[in-house]
């Protein structure tokens, strides 16, 4: 639901968001069960792409609950999975925590439902 919500805030229509997310989610789950967590981990944290992570957090600033979820999952990934530039990523995550705004959430309900 959070992924669909985030896609909606990024301007994607619900059907488009589902169409784009479905293959990513299916492939990720398949890889986790066939290769294991560590060998399935990909994305900006695995690559150590500090710039991408910072941009994601900036984009999520108007949506503090989604930003908190992103930070929490990132921290978990840094602790549990192989990643590059861990210290730099932690600094970006900590810096973004200090920029947090009001903790409200206004869902785009149409993105979660059909």
Protein backbone atom coordinates (compact mmCIF):
# COMPACT_ATOMS: atom_id res chain seq x y z
CA UNK A 1 0.00 0.00 0.00
CA UNK A 2 2.83 2.42 0.83
CA UNK A 3 4.43 1.84 -2.58
CA UNK A 4 1.15 2.58 -4.34
CA UNK A 5 0.63 5.65 -2.17
CA UNK A 6 4.12 6.92 -2.95
CA UNK A 7 3.57 6.34 -6.66
CA UNK A 8 0.39 8.38 -6.43
CA UNK A 9 2.22 11.26 -4.79
CA UNK A 10 4.72 11.03 -7.64
CA UNK A 11 1.87 11.63 -10.07
CA UNK A 12 1.16 8.11 -11.30
CA UNK A 13 -2.41 7.00 -11.82
CA UNK A 14 -3.41 3.96 -9.73
CA UNK A 15 -3.55 1.58 -12.70
CA UNK A 16 -0.19 2.81 -14.00
CA UNK A 17 1.39 2.46 -10.55
CA UNK A 18 0.19 -1.13 -10.20
CA UNK A 19 1.36 -1.98 -13.71
CA UNK A 20 4.86 -0.62 -12.94
CA UNK A 21 5.16 -2.05 -9.43
CA UNK A 22 3.79 -5.54 -10.04
CA UNK A 23 6.78 -6.95 -11.97
CA UNK A 24 9.23 -5.43 -9.49
CA UNK A 25 7.43 -6.95 -6.50
CA UNK A 26 7.00 -10.34 -8.19
CA UNK A 27 10.65 -10.53 -9.26
CA UNK A 28 11.86 -9.43 -5.83
CA UNK A 29 9.82 -12.07 -4.03
CA UNK A 30 10.86 -14.77 -6.48
CA UNK A 31 14.52 -13.83 -6.03
CA UNK A 32 14.27 -13.78 -2.23
CA UNK A 33 12.84 -17.30 -2.19
CA UNK A 34 15.19 -18.72 -4.81
CA UNK A 35 18.46 -16.86 -4.04
CA UNK A 36 18.04 -15.65 -0.47
CA UNK A 37 17.91 -12.12 0.95
CA UNK A 38 21.53 -11.06 0.57
CA UNK A 39 21.77 -12.19 -3.06
CA UNK A 40 18.46 -10.55 -3.96
CA UNK A 41 19.12 -7.13 -2.48
CA UNK A 42 19.37 -4.35 -5.07
CA UNK A 43 18.64 -0.66 -5.39
CA UNK A 44 20.28 2.52 -4.15
CA UNK A 45 21.21 1.18 -0.70
CA UNK A 46 22.85 -1.95 -2.10
CA UNK A 47 24.69 0.20 -4.66
CA UNK A 48 25.59 2.84 -2.07
CA UNK A 49 23.92 5.54 -4.17
CA UNK A 50 23.81 8.31 -1.57
CA UNK A 51 22.55 10.88 -4.09
CA UNK A 52 19.52 8.78 -5.04
CA UNK A 53 18.66 8.14 -1.38
CA UNK A 54 18.91 11.85 -0.58
CA UNK A 55 16.66 12.69 -3.55
CA UNK A 56 14.12 10.07 -2.44
CA UNK A 57 14.04 11.55 1.04
CA UNK A 58 13.67 15.09 -0.30
CA UNK A 59 10.75 13.97 -2.48
CA UNK A 60 9.12 12.34 0.55
CA UNK A 61 9.49 15.40 2.82
CA UNK A 62 5.87 16.52 2.28
CA UNK A 63 4.77 13.02 3.34
CA UNK A 64 6.44 12.42 6.74
CA UNK A 65 4.94 9.02 7.44
CA UNK A 66 6.13 7.66 4.09
CA UNK A 67 9.53 9.29 4.69
CA UNK A 68 9.72 7.63 8.12
CA UNK A 69 8.87 4.28 6.53
CA UNK A 70 11.60 4.79 3.91
CA UNK A 71 14.13 5.68 6.64
CA UNK A 72 13.13 2.71 8.81
CA UNK A 73 13.46 0.25 5.94
CA UNK A 74 16.77 1.80 4.92
CA UNK A 75 18.16 1.48 8.45
CA UNK A 76 17.02 -2.14 8.58
CA UNK A 77 18.66 -2.83 5.21
CA UNK A 78 21.93 -1.24 6.35
CA UNK A 79 21.97 -3.51 9.40
CA UNK A 80 20.79 -6.75 7.81
CA UNK A 81 21.91 -6.73 4.17
CA UNK A 82 25.08 -6.06 2.18
CA UNK A 83 25.42 -2.42 1.17
CA UNK A 84 28.02 0.09 0.06
CA UNK A 85 28.73 3.53 1.57
CA UNK A 86 26.88 2.60 4.77
CA UNK A 87 28.31 5.46 6.82
CA UNK A 88 27.42 8.07 4.21
CA UNK A 89 23.92 6.65 3.86
CA UNK A 90 23.45 6.79 7.64
CA UNK A 91 24.47 10.46 7.63
CA UNK A 92 21.91 11.24 4.91
CA UNK A 93 19.23 9.38 6.86
CA UNK A 94 20.10 11.23 10.08
CA UNK A 95 20.16 14.59 8.30
CA UNK A 96 16.74 13.92 6.79
CA UNK A 97 15.36 13.09 10.24
CA UNK A 98 16.22 16.59 11.43
CA UNK A 99 14.32 18.09 8.44
CA UNK A 100 11.07 16.30 9.31
CA UNK A 101 7.89 18.31 9.14
CA UNK A 102 4.47 17.71 10.65
CA UNK A 103 3.61 14.06 11.01
CA UNK A 104 0.33 13.92 9.16
CA UNK A 105 -0.81 11.67 6.39
CA UNK A 106 -3.37 12.38 3.74
CA UNK A 107 -3.75 9.23 1.67
CA UNK A 108 -4.61 9.21 -1.96
CA UNK A 109 -7.16 6.48 -1.36
CA UNK A 110 -7.67 5.96 -5.08
CA UNK A 111 -4.09 4.66 -5.37
CA UNK A 112 -4.62 1.89 -2.84
CA UNK A 113 -7.96 0.66 -4.12
CA UNK A 114 -9.04 -0.37 -7.61
